[in-house]
Amino acid sequence: MLDLTWRHVWGTPSTPPGSGTGAEISIIADAGGSPTGPVVGTAVVGTYTEIATGAVFFSRPEAESFAGFTAINLAPGTYWLDATIVGPENNFWLTSPVVNSTNCWVNYSDLGGLQDCFTQFGANQDINFSLGGNIVIPAELTGFKVE
């Protein structure tokens, strides 16, 4: 079992933390540095929880979400994590300055669809998240890196 943890805010100040009911998580093959390749795996999410952190961003209460899901077997390569919360519209993952030279991508249908974060926000950004659990690296691989 793997887990994904991240922080976010809902689109309106009146939507409280805890409004999410689940998560959708997919793995997308890299296509020249963008997440436009095919979906190579879709997680089966078994658990989802969302709690208030007490922090406030953009006049909205911050929430932290946790999703437990089954492992997805991947061949060696570069992949993108595509995830969204099931719940009311307009949930925004919080970003941070780029920490590894790879800019995030967002897919806001009402703001132009899939585009890199520099185009959307005017600055290079990363998405904050933590991937945990039991990651198994086959013997033929020499390492595992998350960017």
Protein backbone atom coordinates (compact mmCIF):
# COMPACT_ATOMS: atom_id res chain seq x y z
CA MET A 1 0.00 0.00 0.00
CA LEU A 2 1.23 3.51 -0.87
CA ASP A 3 0.05 6.85 0.43
CA LEU A 4 -0.09 10.39 -0.88
CA THR A 5 -0.30 13.38 1.48
CA TRP A 6 -0.73 17.01 0.35
CA ARG A 7 -2.02 20.42 1.44
CA HIS A 8 -4.64 22.47 -0.34
CA VAL A 9 -7.42 25.03 -0.08
CA TRP A 10 -10.96 24.94 -1.39
CA GLY A 11 -11.97 27.57 -3.97
CA THR A 12 -14.34 29.47 -1.72
CA PRO A 13 -13.77 30.49 1.90
CA SER A 14 -17.13 28.93 2.81
CA THR A 15 -16.06 25.42 1.70
CA PRO A 16 -14.54 23.91 4.86
CA PRO A 17 -11.72 21.37 5.10
CA GLY A 18 -13.24 17.91 5.12
CA SER A 19 -15.38 18.58 2.04
CA GLY A 20 -13.44 16.11 -0.10
CA THR A 21 -14.77 12.57 -0.33
CA GLY A 22 -11.95 10.79 -2.18
CA ALA A 23 -9.05 11.08 -4.57
CA GLU A 24 -8.28 10.08 -8.14
CA ILE A 25 -4.61 9.22 -8.80
CA SER A 26 -3.03 8.30 -12.13
CA ILE A 27 0.49 7.90 -13.48
CA ILE A 28 1.23 9.48 -16.87
CA ALA A 29 4.22 8.72 -19.07
CA ASP A 30 6.58 11.65 -19.68
CA ALA A 31 6.43 13.16 -23.17
CA GLY A 32 9.45 15.39 -23.69
CA GLY A 33 9.26 16.98 -20.24
CA SER A 34 5.49 17.31 -20.06
CA PRO A 35 2.64 15.16 -18.70
CA THR A 36 1.05 14.64 -22.11
CA GLY A 37 1.96 10.97 -22.57
CA PRO A 38 -0.47 8.11 -22.08
CA VAL A 39 -1.92 7.15 -18.69
CA VAL A 40 0.05 4.04 -17.69
CA GLY A 41 -1.67 3.30 -14.39
CA THR A 42 -4.65 4.31 -12.30
CA ALA A 43 -4.57 3.81 -8.56
CA VAL A 44 -7.27 2.06 -6.59
CA VAL A 45 -7.76 4.47 -3.69
CA GLY A 46 -8.83 2.60 -0.58
CA THR A 47 -8.77 5.36 2.05
CA TYR A 48 -9.14 9.13 2.02
CA THR A 49 -9.11 11.60 4.89
CA GLU A 50 -8.99 15.39 4.95
CA ILE A 51 -8.40 17.57 8.01
CA ALA A 52 -8.03 21.27 8.78
CA THR A 53 -4.47 22.36 9.58
CA GLY A 54 -5.40 25.66 11.21
CA ALA A 55 -3.45 27.68 8.62
CA VAL A 56 -5.11 30.12 6.22
CA PHE A 57 -4.04 30.93 2.64
CA PHE A 58 -5.85 33.40 0.35
CA SER A 59 -8.53 33.86 3.07
CA ARG A 60 -9.27 30.14 2.89
CA PRO A 61 -8.65 27.49 5.55
CA GLU A 62 -5.86 25.07 4.64
CA ALA A 63 -6.57 21.34 4.59
CA GLU A 64 -4.26 18.34 4.55
CA SER A 65 -5.38 15.23 2.69
CA PHE A 66 -4.20 11.65 2.88
CA ALA A 67 -5.02 8.99 0.27
CA GLY A 68 -4.04 5.33 0.64
CA PHE A 69 -3.84 3.40 -2.62
CA THR A 70 -2.61 0.18 -4.17
CA ALA A 71 0.82 0.15 -5.78
CA ILE A 72 1.14 0.70 -9.52
CA ASN A 73 3.79 -1.38 -11.29
CA LEU A 74 5.93 0.72 -13.63
CA ALA A 75 8.65 -0.09 -16.12
CA PRO A 76 11.85 1.98 -15.87
CA GLY A 77 11.21 5.50 -17.15
CA THR A 78 10.04 8.99 -16.25
CA TYR A 79 6.48 9.53 -15.10
CA TRP A 80 4.16 12.24 -13.82
CA LEU A 81 1.74 11.98 -10.90
CA ASP A 82 -1.76 13.21 -11.80
CA ALA A 83 -4.08 13.56 -8.84
CA THR A 84 -7.25 15.38 -7.90
CA ILE A 85 -9.71 15.45 -5.02
CA VAL A 86 -13.25 14.15 -5.43
CA GLY A 87 -15.59 16.76 -3.98
CA PRO A 88 -16.84 20.29 -4.62
CA GLU A 89 -15.37 22.21 -7.56
CA ASN A 90 -12.30 24.41 -7.29
CA ASN A 91 -9.80 22.78 -5.01
CA PHE A 92 -6.26 24.10 -5.29
CA TRP A 93 -3.12 22.26 -4.18
CA LEU A 94 -0.67 24.62 -2.57
CA THR A 95 2.57 25.27 -4.40
CA SER A 96 6.11 26.05 -3.36
CA PRO A 97 9.22 27.34 -5.11
CA VAL A 98 10.74 24.80 -7.51
CA VAL A 99 13.11 22.53 -5.60
CA ASN A 100 14.43 20.31 -8.38
CA SER A 101 14.30 22.14 -11.74
CA THR A 102 11.03 20.49 -12.80
CA ASN A 103 8.10 22.88 -13.04
CA CYS A 104 4.66 21.53 -12.10
CA TRP A 105 1.71 21.39 -14.47
CA VAL A 106 -1.94 22.19 -13.73
CA ASN A 107 -5.15 21.39 -15.56
CA TYR A 108 -7.82 23.98 -14.76
CA SER A 109 -10.51 23.56 -17.42
CA ASP A 110 -11.88 27.04 -16.67
CA LEU A 111 -8.41 28.67 -16.94
CA GLY A 112 -7.13 27.22 -20.22
CA GLY A 113 -6.69 23.49 -19.53
CA LEU A 114 -3.35 21.69 -19.18
CA GLN A 115 -0.40 24.09 -18.93
CA ASP A 116 2.87 24.40 -17.07
CA CYS A 117 2.81 26.32 -13.80
CA PHE A 118 4.96 29.17 -15.15
CA THR A 119 2.31 29.88 -17.79
CA GLN A 120 -0.48 29.66 -15.18
CA PHE A 121 1.14 31.50 -12.24
CA GLY A 122 3.88 33.61 -13.85
CA ALA A 123 6.59 31.86 -11.81
CA ASN A 124 8.14 28.41 -11.70
CA GLN A 125 6.33 26.39 -9.05
CA ASP A 126 6.31 22.92 -7.52
CA ILE A 127 3.37 21.08 -5.99
CA ASN A 128 3.73 20.13 -2.34
CA PHE A 129 3.13 16.46 -1.63
CA SER A 130 4.63 13.45 0.08
CA LEU A 131 4.60 9.96 -1.39
CA GLY A 132 5.03 7.20 1.15
CA GLY A 133 4.58 3.55 1.78
CA ASN A 134 6.47 0.52 0.60
CA ILE A 135 8.11 1.38 -2.73
CA VAL A 136 9.66 -1.75 -4.22
CA ILE A 137 12.56 -1.28 -6.62
CA PRO A 138 13.29 -4.31 -8.83
CA ALA A 139 16.86 -5.63 -8.61
CA GLU A 140 17.65 -4.58 -12.19
CA LEU A 141 17.06 -0.91 -11.37
CA THR A 142 19.88 1.05 -9.79
CA GLY A 143 17.73 3.64 -8.05
CA PHE A 144 14.52 5.57 -7.61
CA LYS A 145 14.19 9.36 -7.71
CA VAL A 146 11.15 11.57 -7.28
CA GLU A 147 11.47 15.03 -8.84
